[in-house]
Amino acid sequence: MDQMASFVGAIKSWNPAKGWGFIECDGTFQLYGTDIFLLKSQITTGQCPNKGEQVVFQIRAGNGRAPEATNVRLVQSQSASAPSLPVPASPYTAAVPTGQYVGTVKSWNPDKGWGHIECADTQRMYGKDIFLMRSALGGVQQVSKNQQVRFTVSVGQKGHEAANVQVLTGGFVGGQAHPAAAPPGNGSAKTGQSFCGSIKSFNPEKGWGHIECQATHQAYGKDVFVMRSSLGEQAVQTGDKVMFTVTQGVKGVQADSVTVLPAGIFASGAEQEATFAGIVKGFNAEKGWGHIDCADTRAYFNKDLFLHRNHLGGHIPQVGEEIYFNVGLNSQGQPEAVNINQGSAVARPKGKARTSPY
């Protein structure tokens, strides 16, 4: 059964007399464009939270209903003996990542039974190494520095941490022997998590094909199977750009809720690629990321577009600054601004704008 995505946020407001308030969270704001309503009945302990207090929660929405927090757990203050684990601040902060990752044990304390995993993909998402506890190792009990591991990420009491950790065969890196080839990942599908990819093949007579996407290939070790039933009335052909979710079908992982994106929406070096105009909504110079407010890209992705300093050429944008950009995909299959400049020509891609939630 698919697991609901978990998020980390903070209490923005709370009315103890009425028993309701709101949670602010970057991750859910990207999905819904609003703070999340919270009822006291959804707090698992029944406690009244305080403004600014951190919480872990899930979302219930649908049938025209605005998103509300559910299964809300107040984050307890960490003990003096535990390592410091700040709640990660990242553009994809809150969503527990889909699938499995491969990283290297950066540190390990066998006496205390905890350490950290270094992984480029999770570093990009959370801006830090991933905390590792002995309880996540299953029957292994111990790991060593520089050992390569496969893992998923979950939300613990003190933030994001490694789960389902598997030591890879021969798994040492950093001057030592590289690991033997590991079997493909068996990442679990996450309800509501969307990816962007391309139609690799599709047989209209048989009604099925495959989508290639770097992020889902990393999670599952293969292209994603797609059936005609997930396309609705849309026709596809090889090379079409699509947005999709992932679910577990009868024969394994398959695409769901597929939306065909207009040609030229992603930067590819083609002359017809779309250039968009937007306004810098926010930018953290220290962390090096922010967001762009652009009505055109929001029509396709239903959220503000991610902006990273890697594409700014050293420029630090200011809130309210107008910029022009193309759209690219990062390693997590998520759209972000690329080729950023101060140009003026804006060519929108042809195609129907997506209106369903991203």
Protein backbone atom coordinates (compact mmCIF):
# COMPACT_ATOMS: atom_id res chain seq x y z
CA MET A 1 0.00 0.00 0.00
CA ASP A 2 1.30 3.49 -0.82
CA GLN A 3 2.47 5.57 2.09
CA MET A 4 1.34 9.16 2.61
CA ALA A 5 4.13 11.71 2.34
CA SER A 6 5.24 13.28 5.61
CA PHE A 7 6.24 16.92 6.05
CA VAL A 8 8.05 19.03 8.62
CA GLY A 9 6.71 22.50 9.43
CA ALA A 10 6.15 25.03 12.20
CA ILE A 11 3.03 26.32 13.92
CA LYS A 12 2.32 29.73 12.36
CA SER A 13 -0.71 30.52 14.50
CA TRP A 14 -2.87 28.76 17.10
CA ASN A 15 -6.17 29.68 18.80
CA PRO A 16 -6.41 27.57 21.99
CA ALA A 17 -10.02 28.60 22.62
CA LYS A 18 -11.22 27.48 19.18
CA GLY A 19 -8.76 24.60 18.83
CA TRP A 20 -7.40 25.39 15.40
CA GLY A 21 -4.55 27.18 13.66
CA PHE A 22 -2.16 26.98 10.73
CA ILE A 23 1.14 25.28 9.87
CA GLU A 24 3.72 26.93 7.64
CA CYS A 25 5.94 24.65 5.60
CA ASP A 26 7.99 25.36 2.45
CA GLY A 27 7.31 21.92 1.00
CA THR A 28 3.51 22.06 1.29
CA PHE A 29 3.47 25.70 0.17
CA GLN A 30 5.12 24.52 -3.06
CA LEU A 31 2.33 21.98 -3.52
CA TYR A 32 -0.72 23.98 -2.43
CA GLY A 33 0.34 27.65 -2.36
CA THR A 34 -1.08 28.19 1.13
CA ASP A 35 -0.47 27.51 4.82
CA ILE A 36 -2.01 24.26 6.10
CA PHE A 37 -5.09 24.30 8.33
CA LEU A 38 -4.74 22.37 11.60
CA LEU A 39 -7.44 21.10 13.96
CA LYS A 40 -6.63 19.99 17.49
CA SER A 41 -8.33 16.65 16.80
CA GLN A 42 -5.56 15.85 14.29
CA ILE A 43 -2.76 16.15 16.87
CA THR A 44 -1.97 12.59 17.89
CA THR A 45 -1.28 13.48 21.54
CA GLY A 46 -4.17 15.92 21.85
CA GLN A 47 -1.83 18.66 23.06
CA CYS A 48 -2.21 22.34 22.29
CA PRO A 49 0.81 23.49 20.28
CA ASN A 50 2.63 26.78 20.68
CA LYS A 51 3.47 29.26 17.94
CA GLY A 52 6.79 28.38 16.33
CA GLU A 53 6.75 24.77 17.56
CA GLN A 54 7.91 22.23 14.97
CA VAL A 55 5.57 19.46 13.85
CA VAL A 56 5.63 16.43 11.57
CA PHE A 57 2.39 15.94 9.65
CA GLN A 58 0.64 14.50 6.62
CA ILE A 59 -1.96 16.02 4.29
CA ARG A 60 -5.53 15.12 3.54
CA ALA A 61 -7.21 16.82 0.59
CA GLY A 62 -9.43 16.07 -2.37
CA ASN A 63 -13.07 16.27 -3.42
CA GLY A 64 -12.79 20.05 -3.58
CA ARG A 65 -11.61 20.25 0.03
CA ALA A 66 -8.71 22.54 0.94
CA PRO A 67 -5.61 20.76 2.30
CA GLU A 68 -5.65 20.02 6.03
CA ALA A 69 -3.01 18.56 8.33
CA THR A 70 -3.55 15.06 9.69
CA ASN A 71 -1.55 12.64 11.88
CA VAL A 72 0.21 15.64 13.43
CA ARG A 73 3.06 14.95 15.86
CA LEU A 74 4.78 17.65 17.90
CA VAL A 75 8.57 17.44 17.59
CA GLN A 76 10.05 16.87 21.03
CA SER A 77 13.10 18.82 22.14
CA GLN A 78 16.25 16.76 21.62
CA SER A 79 18.18 15.32 24.55
CA ALA A 80 21.63 16.56 25.49
CA SER A 81 23.23 13.22 24.55
CA ALA A 82 21.83 13.14 21.04
CA PRO A 83 23.64 14.74 18.12
CA SER A 84 22.35 18.03 16.79
CA LEU A 85 19.78 17.42 14.07
CA PRO A 86 18.21 20.65 12.84
CA VAL A 87 15.12 20.36 10.68
CA PRO A 88 16.46 20.51 7.12
CA ALA A 89 15.93 23.76 5.23
CA SER A 90 15.69 22.94 1.55
CA PRO A 91 13.45 23.65 -1.43
CA TYR A 92 12.14 20.09 -1.10
CA THR A 93 12.42 20.20 2.63
CA ALA A 94 9.39 18.52 3.78
CA ALA A 95 8.54 15.76 1.47
CA VAL A 96 10.06 12.46 2.44
CA PRO A 97 11.93 11.47 -0.73
CA THR A 98 10.63 8.72 -2.91
CA GLY A 99 12.67 5.56 -3.41
CA GLN A 100 16.17 4.57 -2.46
CA TYR A 101 19.51 6.36 -2.46
CA VAL A 102 23.12 5.27 -2.49
CA GLY A 103 25.61 7.01 -0.23
CA THR A 104 28.77 6.57 1.81
CA VAL A 105 29.08 6.27 5.58
CA LYS A 106 30.81 9.54 6.47
CA SER A 107 31.08 8.86 10.20
CA TRP A 108 30.08 6.13 12.63
CA ASN A 109 30.32 5.87 16.43
CA PRO A 110 30.01 2.15 17.33
CA ASP A 111 29.63 2.89 21.04
CA LYS A 112 26.78 5.36 20.67
CA GLY A 113 25.31 3.62 17.63
CA TRP A 114 24.88 6.57 15.31
CA GLY A 115 26.62 8.42 12.52
CA HIS A 116 25.97 10.11 9.18
CA ILE A 117 25.64 9.15 5.52
CA GLU A 118 27.04 11.34 2.76
CA CYS A 119 24.98 11.35 -0.45
CA ALA A 120 24.98 13.93 -3.26
CA ASP A 121 21.25 13.57 -3.99
CA THR A 122 20.05 13.94 -0.40
CA GLN A 123 22.60 16.72 0.16
CA ARG A 124 20.93 18.63 -2.67
CA MET A 125 17.50 18.09 -1.14
CA TYR A 126 18.29 18.80 2.52
CA GLY A 127 21.61 20.64 2.53
CA LYS A 128 23.21 18.23 5.01
CA ASP A 129 24.38 14.67 5.60
CA ILE A 130 21.70 12.16 6.63
CA PHE A 131 21.62 10.99 10.23
CA LEU A 132 22.03 7.22 10.69
CA MET A 133 20.97 5.18 13.72
CA ARG A 134 21.86 1.57 14.49
CA SER A 135 18.16 0.68 14.52
CA ALA A 136 18.04 1.40 10.76
CA LEU A 137 20.69 -1.22 10.00
CA GLY A 138 18.49 -4.27 10.46
CA GLY A 139 20.59 -7.32 11.32
CA VAL A 140 23.92 -5.70 10.41
CA GLN A 141 24.29 -3.72 13.67
CA GLN A 142 27.58 -2.10 12.64
CA VAL A 143 28.94 -0.21 9.63
CA SER A 144 32.33 1.34 8.91
CA LYS A 145 33.46 4.71 7.62
CA ASN A 146 33.62 4.86 3.80
CA GLN A 147 31.30 1.87 3.46
CA GLN A 148 28.72 2.28 0.69
CA VAL A 149 25.07 1.78 1.60
CA ARG A 150 21.65 1.92 0.01
CA PHE A 151 18.94 3.63 2.08
CA THR A 152 15.60 5.41 2.15
CA VAL A 153 14.78 8.54 4.15
CA SER A 154 12.13 8.90 6.83
CA VAL A 155 11.12 11.60 9.31
CA GLY A 156 12.20 10.86 12.88
CA GLN A 157 11.72 12.85 16.07
CA LYS A 158 14.69 15.04 15.24
CA GLY A 159 14.28 15.44 11.49
CA HIS A 160 15.10 13.38 8.42
CA GLU A 161 17.11 10.21 8.99
CA ALA A 162 18.17 7.09 7.12
CA ALA A 163 15.91 4.02 7.09
CA ASN A 164 16.04 0.53 5.57
CA VAL A 165 19.83 0.70 5.30
CA GLN A 166 21.53 -2.02 3.25
CA VAL A 167 25.30 -2.45 3.05
CA LEU A 168 26.29 -2.94 -0.59
CA THR A 169 28.56 -5.81 -1.61
CA GLY A 170 32.20 -4.80 -1.38
CA GLY A 171 30.86 -1.43 -0.37
CA PHE A 172 33.91 0.74 0.29
CA VAL A 173 34.85 3.90 -1.58
CA GLY A 174 37.31 6.73 -1.16
CA GLY A 175 40.60 5.04 -2.12
CA GLN A 176 39.35 1.51 -1.50
CA ALA A 177 37.73 -1.02 -3.82
CA HIS A 178 34.50 0.08 -5.44
CA PRO A 179 31.43 -2.03 -4.64
CA ALA A 180 30.16 -4.78 -6.85
CA ALA A 181 27.08 -3.97 -8.86
CA ALA A 182 24.05 -3.76 -6.61
CA PRO A 183 20.59 -4.95 -7.60
CA PRO A 184 18.12 -2.34 -8.83
CA GLY A 185 16.36 -0.30 -6.17
CA ASN A 186 12.89 -1.20 -5.05
CA GLY A 187 11.77 2.28 -4.05
CA SER A 188 8.30 2.58 -2.63
CA ALA A 189 5.87 4.77 -4.56
CA LYS A 190 4.87 7.97 -2.77
CA THR A 191 1.32 9.18 -3.20
CA GLY A 192 1.19 12.59 -4.86
CA GLN A 193 4.93 12.86 -5.70
CA SER A 194 5.25 14.02 -9.30
CA PHE A 195 8.15 13.61 -11.72
CA CYS A 196 9.00 14.85 -15.19
CA GLY A 197 10.36 12.56 -17.88
CA SER A 198 10.17 11.60 -21.55
CA ILE A 199 8.24 8.91 -23.41
CA LYS A 200 10.93 6.38 -24.30
CA SER A 201 8.60 4.09 -26.21
CA PHE A 202 4.87 3.56 -26.70
CA ASN A 203 3.01 0.92 -28.72
CA PRO A 204 -0.42 2.36 -29.67
CA GLU A 205 -1.73 -1.06 -30.70
CA LYS A 206 -0.85 -2.73 -27.42
CA GLY A 207 -1.52 0.41 -25.40
CA TRP A 208 1.62 0.51 -23.29
CA GLY A 209 5.19 1.79 -23.25
CA HIS A 210 7.86 3.24 -20.97
CA ILE A 211 8.88 6.62 -19.52
CA GLU A 212 12.54 7.47 -18.92
CA CYS A 213 13.32 9.74 -15.97
CA GLN A 214 16.61 10.08 -14.10
CA ALA A 215 14.99 10.39 -10.68
CA THR A 216 12.70 7.36 -11.01
CA HIS A 217 15.45 5.29 -12.62
CA GLN A 218 17.59 5.98 -9.57
CA ALA A 219 14.75 4.95 -7.28
CA TYR A 220 13.63 1.83 -9.14
CA GLY A 221 16.56 0.85 -11.35
CA LYS A 222 14.49 0.86 -14.56
CA ASP A 223 12.23 2.92 -16.82
CA VAL A 224 8.65 3.37 -15.63
CA PHE A 225 5.94 1.31 -17.32
CA VAL A 226 3.03 3.40 -18.67
CA MET A 227 -0.40 2.19 -19.81
CA ARG A 228 -2.94 3.93 -22.04
CA SER A 229 -5.40 4.05 -19.14
CA SER A 230 -3.15 6.57 -17.33
CA LEU A 231 -3.17 8.92 -20.35
CA GLY A 232 -6.88 9.63 -20.54
CA GLU A 233 -7.63 11.15 -23.95
CA GLN A 234 -4.02 12.18 -24.57
CA ALA A 235 -1.95 10.70 -27.39
CA VAL A 236 1.80 10.27 -26.93
CA GLN A 237 4.79 9.54 -29.08
CA THR A 238 8.46 8.90 -28.47
CA GLY A 239 10.22 11.97 -27.07
CA ASP A 240 7.14 13.67 -25.60
CA LYS A 241 7.79 15.34 -22.24
CA VAL A 242 5.37 14.22 -19.53
CA MET A 243 4.63 14.79 -15.87
CA PHE A 244 3.51 11.75 -13.88
CA THR A 245 3.17 10.11 -10.49
CA VAL A 246 4.27 6.57 -9.64
CA THR A 247 2.14 3.77 -8.27
CA GLN A 248 2.48 0.03 -7.71
CA GLY A 249 0.58 -1.92 -10.35
CA VAL A 250 -0.12 -5.63 -10.68
CA LYS A 251 3.21 -6.15 -12.46
CA GLY A 252 5.24 -3.64 -10.47
CA VAL A 253 5.97 0.07 -10.68
CA GLN A 254 3.99 2.01 -13.27
CA ALA A 255 3.13 5.62 -14.17
CA ASP A 256 -0.14 7.21 -13.13
CA SER A 257 -1.86 10.59 -13.73
CA VAL A 258 0.25 11.28 -16.82
CA THR A 259 0.10 14.79 -18.30
CA VAL A 260 1.70 15.53 -21.67
CA LEU A 261 3.67 18.78 -21.49
CA PRO A 262 3.98 21.15 -24.47
CA ALA A 263 6.95 20.85 -26.79
CA GLY A 264 9.81 23.19 -26.01
CA ILE A 265 8.97 23.69 -22.33
CA PHE A 266 12.33 22.30 -21.16
CA ALA A 267 15.69 23.76 -22.14
CA SER A 268 17.43 21.46 -24.58
CA GLY A 269 19.50 23.75 -26.78
CA ALA A 270 16.77 23.82 -29.43
CA GLU A 271 15.91 27.18 -30.96
CA GLN A 272 12.24 26.71 -30.11
CA GLU A 273 12.77 26.23 -26.38
CA ALA A 274 10.51 28.48 -24.28
CA THR A 275 11.83 31.50 -22.41
CA PHE A 276 9.78 32.73 -19.47
CA ALA A 277 9.62 35.97 -17.50
CA GLY A 278 9.18 35.96 -13.74
CA ILE A 279 9.71 37.86 -10.51
CA VAL A 280 12.06 36.70 -7.74
CA LYS A 281 9.71 35.81 -4.90
CA GLY A 282 12.43 35.01 -2.38
CA PHE A 283 16.12 34.16 -2.29
CA ASN A 284 18.37 33.04 0.59
CA ALA A 285 21.88 34.20 -0.33
CA GLU A 286 23.48 32.09 2.39
CA LYS A 287 21.80 28.86 1.34
CA GLY A 288 21.88 29.75 -2.33
CA TRP A 289 18.29 29.05 -3.36
CA GLY A 290 14.92 30.70 -3.74
CA HIS A 291 11.81 30.79 -5.91
CA ILE A 292 10.45 32.58 -8.94
CA ASP A 293 6.85 33.77 -9.26
CA CYS A 294 5.81 33.12 -12.87
CA ALA A 295 2.20 32.70 -13.99
CA ASP A 296 3.20 30.79 -17.13
CA THR A 297 5.28 28.10 -15.43
CA ARG A 298 2.75 27.84 -12.60
CA ALA A 299 0.13 26.96 -15.22
CA TYR A 300 2.16 23.85 -16.08
CA PHE A 301 3.66 22.89 -12.70
CA ASN A 302 1.17 24.53 -10.28
CA LYS A 303 3.89 25.96 -8.04
CA ASP A 304 6.59 28.62 -7.91
CA LEU A 305 9.72 27.62 -9.78
CA PHE A 306 12.89 26.69 -7.89
CA LEU A 307 15.89 29.01 -8.34
CA HIS A 308 19.46 27.90 -7.49
CA ARG A 309 22.68 29.87 -7.39
CA ASN A 310 24.36 27.30 -9.68
CA HIS A 311 22.49 28.94 -12.56
CA LEU A 312 23.03 32.57 -11.54
CA GLY A 313 26.67 33.06 -12.53
CA GLY A 314 27.51 34.64 -9.18
CA HIS A 315 24.61 37.11 -9.28
CA ILE A 316 22.56 37.44 -6.08
CA PRO A 317 18.98 38.28 -7.06
CA GLN A 318 16.80 40.60 -5.03
CA VAL A 319 13.15 40.08 -4.13
CA GLY A 320 11.01 41.72 -6.81
CA GLU A 321 13.72 41.54 -9.46
CA GLU A 322 12.48 40.55 -12.92
CA ILE A 323 14.43 37.77 -14.63
CA TYR A 324 14.15 35.68 -17.78
CA PHE A 325 14.86 31.98 -17.84
CA ASN A 326 14.36 28.55 -19.36
CA VAL A 327 13.13 25.50 -17.45
CA GLY A 328 15.33 22.48 -16.80
CA LEU A 329 15.09 19.33 -14.67
CA ASN A 330 17.27 18.55 -11.67
CA SER A 331 18.37 15.07 -10.58
CA GLN A 332 15.13 14.61 -8.62
CA GLY A 333 12.99 15.01 -11.73
CA GLN A 334 11.80 18.43 -10.55
CA PRO A 335 11.67 21.62 -12.69
CA GLU A 336 14.00 24.53 -11.95
CA ALA A 337 15.09 27.77 -13.62
CA VAL A 338 18.16 27.57 -15.89
CA ASN A 339 19.86 29.88 -18.41
CA ILE A 340 18.91 32.89 -16.29
CA ASN A 341 19.45 36.33 -17.83
CA GLN A 342 18.07 39.83 -18.20
CA GLY A 343 16.73 39.29 -21.74
CA SER A 344 13.37 40.51 -22.89
CA ALA A 345 12.09 38.10 -25.53
CA VAL A 346 9.51 35.72 -24.10
CA ALA A 347 8.27 32.80 -26.20
CA ARG A 348 5.68 30.60 -24.52
CA PRO A 349 5.43 26.93 -25.48
CA LYS A 350 2.38 25.76 -27.39
CA GLY A 351 0.05 23.42 -25.58
CA LYS A 352 -2.67 23.22 -23.01
CA ALA A 353 -1.73 24.41 -19.52
CA ARG A 354 -1.94 21.86 -16.74
CA THR A 355 -4.59 22.75 -14.18
CA SER A 356 -4.59 19.76 -11.83
CA PRO A 357 -2.49 19.87 -8.63
CA TYR A 358 1.19 19.07 -9.06
